[in-house]
N, C-alpha and C. Protein backbone atom coordinates (compact mmCIF):
# COMPACT_ATOMS: atom_id res chain seq x y z
N UNK A 1 48.11 56.42 199.17
CA UNK A 1 48.13 55.34 198.21
C UNK A 1 46.87 54.49 198.39
N UNK A 2 46.09 54.31 197.36
CA UNK A 2 44.82 53.61 197.52
C UNK A 2 44.95 52.10 197.69
N UNK A 3 46.12 51.52 197.42
CA UNK A 3 46.25 50.07 197.50
C UNK A 3 46.76 49.61 198.85
N UNK A 4 47.17 50.52 199.69
CA UNK A 4 47.63 50.17 201.02
C UNK A 4 46.75 50.88 202.03
N UNK A 5 45.77 50.20 202.54
CA UNK A 5 44.82 50.82 203.46
C UNK A 5 45.41 51.03 204.85
N UNK A 6 46.52 50.40 205.17
CA UNK A 6 47.07 50.53 206.51
C UNK A 6 47.60 51.93 206.79
N UNK A 7 47.94 52.69 205.76
CA UNK A 7 48.51 54.03 205.95
C UNK A 7 47.51 55.15 205.67
N UNK A 8 46.26 54.84 205.53
CA UNK A 8 45.25 55.84 205.21
C UNK A 8 44.93 56.68 206.44
N UNK A 9 44.79 57.98 206.24
CA UNK A 9 44.48 58.89 207.35
C UNK A 9 43.10 58.60 207.92
N UNK A 10 42.19 58.10 207.09
CA UNK A 10 40.84 57.81 207.56
C UNK A 10 40.81 56.67 208.58
N UNK A 11 41.83 55.81 208.54
CA UNK A 11 41.86 54.66 209.46
C UNK A 11 42.79 54.88 210.64
N UNK A 12 43.39 56.06 210.74
CA UNK A 12 44.33 56.34 211.83
C UNK A 12 43.60 56.34 213.17
N UNK A 13 44.24 55.77 214.15
CA UNK A 13 43.70 55.77 215.50
C UNK A 13 42.66 54.70 215.78
N UNK A 14 42.45 53.79 214.87
CA UNK A 14 41.46 52.73 215.06
C UNK A 14 42.16 51.40 215.32
N UNK A 15 41.52 50.56 216.11
CA UNK A 15 42.07 49.22 216.28
C UNK A 15 41.71 48.37 215.07
N UNK A 16 42.18 47.13 215.06
CA UNK A 16 42.03 46.27 213.88
C UNK A 16 40.56 46.00 213.53
N UNK A 17 39.76 45.72 214.53
CA UNK A 17 38.34 45.44 214.28
C UNK A 17 37.61 46.68 213.76
N UNK A 18 37.95 47.84 214.30
CA UNK A 18 37.30 49.07 213.85
C UNK A 18 37.72 49.42 212.42
N UNK A 19 39.00 49.21 212.08
CA UNK A 19 39.44 49.43 210.69
C UNK A 19 38.68 48.52 209.73
N UNK A 20 38.49 47.28 210.15
CA UNK A 20 37.73 46.34 209.32
C UNK A 20 36.30 46.81 209.13
N UNK A 21 35.69 47.30 210.19
CA UNK A 21 34.31 47.81 210.09
C UNK A 21 34.22 49.01 209.16
N UNK A 22 35.20 49.93 209.24
CA UNK A 22 35.19 51.10 208.36
C UNK A 22 35.36 50.67 206.91
N UNK A 23 36.26 49.73 206.65
CA UNK A 23 36.44 49.24 205.28
C UNK A 23 35.18 48.54 204.77
N UNK A 24 34.49 47.83 205.64
CA UNK A 24 33.25 47.17 205.22
C UNK A 24 32.16 48.18 204.90
N UNK A 25 32.07 49.25 205.68
CA UNK A 25 31.10 50.30 205.37
C UNK A 25 31.45 50.95 204.03
N UNK A 26 32.75 51.20 203.80
CA UNK A 26 33.17 51.79 202.52
C UNK A 26 32.83 50.84 201.37
N UNK A 27 33.03 49.54 201.56
CA UNK A 27 32.68 48.56 200.53
C UNK A 27 31.17 48.56 200.31
N UNK A 28 30.40 48.70 201.37
CA UNK A 28 28.95 48.76 201.28
C UNK A 28 28.52 49.97 200.44
N UNK A 29 29.16 51.12 200.65
CA UNK A 29 28.87 52.31 199.85
C UNK A 29 29.32 52.12 198.40
N UNK A 30 30.49 51.53 198.19
CA UNK A 30 31.06 51.39 196.85
C UNK A 30 30.23 50.46 195.97
N UNK A 31 29.54 49.51 196.56
CA UNK A 31 28.75 48.57 195.78
C UNK A 31 27.60 49.25 195.06
N UNK A 32 27.22 50.42 195.48
CA UNK A 32 26.10 51.12 194.87
C UNK A 32 26.51 51.92 193.64
N UNK A 33 27.79 51.98 193.34
CA UNK A 33 28.26 52.77 192.21
C UNK A 33 28.36 51.87 190.98
N UNK A 34 27.80 52.31 189.87
CA UNK A 34 27.70 51.45 188.68
C UNK A 34 29.05 51.13 188.06
N UNK A 35 30.06 51.99 188.21
CA UNK A 35 31.35 51.72 187.58
C UNK A 35 32.09 50.57 188.26
N UNK A 36 31.66 50.18 189.43
CA UNK A 36 32.27 49.03 190.09
C UNK A 36 32.05 47.77 189.27
N UNK A 37 30.95 47.72 188.55
CA UNK A 37 30.58 46.52 187.80
C UNK A 37 31.08 46.54 186.35
N UNK A 38 31.75 47.59 185.94
CA UNK A 38 32.21 47.70 184.56
C UNK A 38 33.17 46.59 184.13
N UNK A 39 34.16 46.19 184.95
CA UNK A 39 35.03 45.09 184.51
C UNK A 39 34.27 43.77 184.33
N UNK A 40 33.30 43.50 185.16
CA UNK A 40 32.51 42.27 185.00
C UNK A 40 31.71 42.32 183.70
N UNK A 41 31.14 43.46 183.40
CA UNK A 41 30.41 43.62 182.15
C UNK A 41 31.34 43.45 180.95
N UNK A 42 32.53 44.05 181.03
CA UNK A 42 33.51 43.91 179.94
C UNK A 42 33.92 42.46 179.75
N UNK A 43 34.07 41.73 180.85
CA UNK A 43 34.45 40.33 180.74
C UNK A 43 33.33 39.50 180.11
N UNK A 44 32.09 39.78 180.47
CA UNK A 44 30.97 39.04 179.87
C UNK A 44 30.90 39.32 178.37
N UNK A 45 31.09 40.56 177.97
CA UNK A 45 31.09 40.90 176.54
C UNK A 45 32.25 40.20 175.84
N UNK A 46 33.41 40.18 176.47
CA UNK A 46 34.57 39.51 175.89
C UNK A 46 34.32 38.02 175.71
N UNK A 47 33.74 37.37 176.72
CA UNK A 47 33.45 35.93 176.62
C UNK A 47 32.43 35.67 175.52
N UNK A 48 31.41 36.50 175.42
CA UNK A 48 30.41 36.33 174.36
C UNK A 48 31.04 36.51 172.97
N UNK A 49 31.90 37.50 172.82
CA UNK A 49 32.58 37.69 171.54
C UNK A 49 33.50 36.51 171.22
N UNK A 50 34.14 35.99 172.24
CA UNK A 50 35.04 34.86 172.03
C UNK A 50 34.27 33.60 171.64
N UNK A 51 33.19 33.32 172.33
CA UNK A 51 32.45 32.09 172.04
C UNK A 51 31.69 32.19 170.73
N UNK A 52 31.22 33.35 170.38
CA UNK A 52 30.43 33.50 169.15
C UNK A 52 31.30 33.67 167.90
N UNK A 53 32.33 34.51 168.00
CA UNK A 53 33.13 34.87 166.82
C UNK A 53 34.60 34.46 166.90
N UNK A 54 34.96 33.69 167.92
CA UNK A 54 36.37 33.31 168.13
C UNK A 54 37.26 34.55 168.12
N UNK A 55 36.84 35.54 168.90
CA UNK A 55 37.51 36.84 168.97
C UNK A 55 39.01 36.69 169.27
N UNK A 56 39.34 35.80 170.20
CA UNK A 56 40.73 35.49 170.54
C UNK A 56 40.89 33.98 170.37
N UNK A 57 41.47 33.53 169.26
CA UNK A 57 41.49 32.11 168.98
C UNK A 57 42.44 31.30 169.87
N UNK A 58 43.50 31.90 170.36
CA UNK A 58 44.47 31.17 171.17
C UNK A 58 44.01 31.11 172.63
N UNK A 59 44.14 29.94 173.23
CA UNK A 59 43.73 29.77 174.63
C UNK A 59 44.60 30.63 175.56
N UNK A 60 45.88 30.70 175.28
CA UNK A 60 46.78 31.49 176.13
C UNK A 60 46.39 32.97 176.10
N UNK A 61 46.09 33.49 174.94
CA UNK A 61 45.67 34.90 174.82
C UNK A 61 44.34 35.14 175.55
N UNK A 62 43.43 34.18 175.43
CA UNK A 62 42.15 34.29 176.13
C UNK A 62 42.37 34.36 177.64
N UNK A 63 43.24 33.50 178.16
CA UNK A 63 43.52 33.51 179.60
C UNK A 63 44.23 34.80 180.03
N UNK A 64 45.11 35.33 179.19
CA UNK A 64 45.79 36.58 179.52
C UNK A 64 44.81 37.76 179.57
N UNK A 65 43.89 37.81 178.61
CA UNK A 65 42.89 38.88 178.62
C UNK A 65 41.98 38.73 179.83
N UNK A 66 41.59 37.50 180.14
CA UNK A 66 40.76 37.27 181.34
C UNK A 66 41.51 37.70 182.60
N UNK A 67 42.79 37.36 182.70
CA UNK A 67 43.59 37.77 183.85
C UNK A 67 43.71 39.29 183.93
N UNK A 68 43.91 39.94 182.79
CA UNK A 68 44.01 41.41 182.77
C UNK A 68 42.70 42.05 183.24
N UNK A 69 41.57 41.51 182.80
CA UNK A 69 40.27 42.06 183.23
C UNK A 69 40.08 41.82 184.72
N UNK A 70 40.54 40.67 185.23
CA UNK A 70 40.44 40.40 186.66
C UNK A 70 41.28 41.39 187.46
N UNK A 71 42.51 41.63 187.03
CA UNK A 71 43.37 42.60 187.73
C UNK A 71 42.75 44.00 187.68
N UNK A 72 42.21 44.36 186.52
CA UNK A 72 41.51 45.64 186.40
C UNK A 72 40.34 45.72 187.37
N UNK A 73 39.62 44.63 187.53
CA UNK A 73 38.50 44.59 188.48
C UNK A 73 38.96 44.78 189.92
N UNK A 74 40.05 44.14 190.30
CA UNK A 74 40.57 44.27 191.66
C UNK A 74 41.03 45.70 191.92
N UNK A 75 41.74 46.28 190.96
CA UNK A 75 42.19 47.68 191.11
C UNK A 75 40.98 48.61 191.21
N UNK A 76 39.97 48.35 190.41
CA UNK A 76 38.75 49.15 190.43
C UNK A 76 38.07 49.08 191.80
N UNK A 77 38.00 47.89 192.36
CA UNK A 77 37.38 47.72 193.69
C UNK A 77 38.18 48.50 194.74
N UNK A 78 39.50 48.37 194.71
CA UNK A 78 40.33 49.06 195.70
C UNK A 78 40.18 50.58 195.59
N UNK A 79 40.10 51.08 194.37
CA UNK A 79 39.92 52.53 194.19
C UNK A 79 38.56 52.99 194.70
N UNK A 80 37.53 52.20 194.47
CA UNK A 80 36.20 52.56 194.96
C UNK A 80 36.16 52.55 196.49
N UNK A 81 36.77 51.55 197.10
CA UNK A 81 36.80 51.51 198.57
C UNK A 81 37.56 52.70 199.12
N UNK A 82 38.70 53.03 198.50
CA UNK A 82 39.49 54.18 198.96
C UNK A 82 38.70 55.47 198.85
N UNK A 83 37.86 55.58 197.83
CA UNK A 83 37.06 56.79 197.64
C UNK A 83 36.03 56.97 198.76
N UNK A 84 35.50 55.88 199.26
CA UNK A 84 34.44 55.94 200.26
C UNK A 84 34.93 55.76 201.69
N UNK A 85 36.23 55.76 201.94
CA UNK A 85 36.72 55.60 203.30
C UNK A 85 36.37 56.79 204.20
N UNK A 86 36.45 57.99 203.67
CA UNK A 86 36.15 59.17 204.50
C UNK A 86 34.70 59.20 204.95
N UNK A 87 33.71 59.01 204.05
CA UNK A 87 32.34 58.96 204.54
C UNK A 87 32.07 57.76 205.45
N UNK A 88 32.76 56.66 205.18
CA UNK A 88 32.59 55.48 206.04
C UNK A 88 33.11 55.75 207.44
N UNK A 89 34.22 56.46 207.53
CA UNK A 89 34.75 56.80 208.85
C UNK A 89 33.82 57.74 209.58
N UNK A 90 33.21 58.68 208.87
CA UNK A 90 32.26 59.59 209.50
C UNK A 90 31.04 58.83 210.03
N UNK A 91 30.55 57.88 209.26
CA UNK A 91 29.42 57.06 209.72
C UNK A 91 29.84 56.23 210.92
N UNK A 92 31.02 55.65 210.88
CA UNK A 92 31.51 54.84 211.99
C UNK A 92 31.67 55.68 213.25
N UNK A 93 32.23 56.87 213.11
CA UNK A 93 32.43 57.74 214.28
C UNK A 93 31.10 58.19 214.89
N UNK A 94 30.10 58.43 214.05
CA UNK A 94 28.84 58.92 214.60
C UNK A 94 27.94 57.78 215.13
N UNK A 95 28.03 56.59 214.53
CA UNK A 95 27.13 55.50 214.94
C UNK A 95 27.77 54.44 215.82
N UNK A 96 29.06 54.21 215.66
CA UNK A 96 29.75 53.21 216.47
C UNK A 96 29.84 51.86 215.77
N UNK A 97 30.54 50.93 216.43
CA UNK A 97 30.83 49.64 215.80
C UNK A 97 29.60 48.74 215.72
N UNK A 98 28.71 48.80 216.69
CA UNK A 98 27.51 47.96 216.65
C UNK A 98 26.62 48.33 215.49
N UNK A 99 26.43 49.61 215.28
CA UNK A 99 25.62 50.06 214.14
C UNK A 99 26.31 49.77 212.81
N UNK A 100 27.64 49.86 212.80
CA UNK A 100 28.39 49.55 211.58
C UNK A 100 28.19 48.10 211.18
N UNK A 101 28.19 47.22 212.14
CA UNK A 101 27.96 45.80 211.84
C UNK A 101 26.52 45.55 211.40
N UNK A 102 25.60 46.33 211.92
CA UNK A 102 24.20 46.22 211.48
C UNK A 102 24.04 46.71 210.04
N UNK A 103 24.71 47.81 209.70
CA UNK A 103 24.63 48.35 208.35
C UNK A 103 25.16 47.34 207.34
N UNK A 104 26.30 46.75 207.63
CA UNK A 104 26.94 45.84 206.67
C UNK A 104 26.39 44.42 206.75
N UNK A 105 25.59 44.14 207.75
CA UNK A 105 25.00 42.82 207.86
C UNK A 105 25.93 41.77 208.41
N UNK A 106 26.91 42.18 209.17
CA UNK A 106 27.88 41.23 209.75
C UNK A 106 27.78 41.21 211.24
């Protein structure tokens, strides 16, 4: 399940700090993929359409669409991180925690 990282096979056998480092490396890899930014782009287009053409005239509807795009963005981020957990674990296993913190800048 991509939304529960605690049960992922890639994180098995690691302590809490090491799991955090692997997830950070996966997030570092995921940031390079253009589809990660698609919900933000969709939201900007939606806001421009709303401000220019009153695309969604009701404030409640505007907030619901914004909330839906936000939830879509969070799900998108979690899926991208889940996709890159295996390569992140391989990098962590070969380089160690000190190098992992250097890669992610933490």
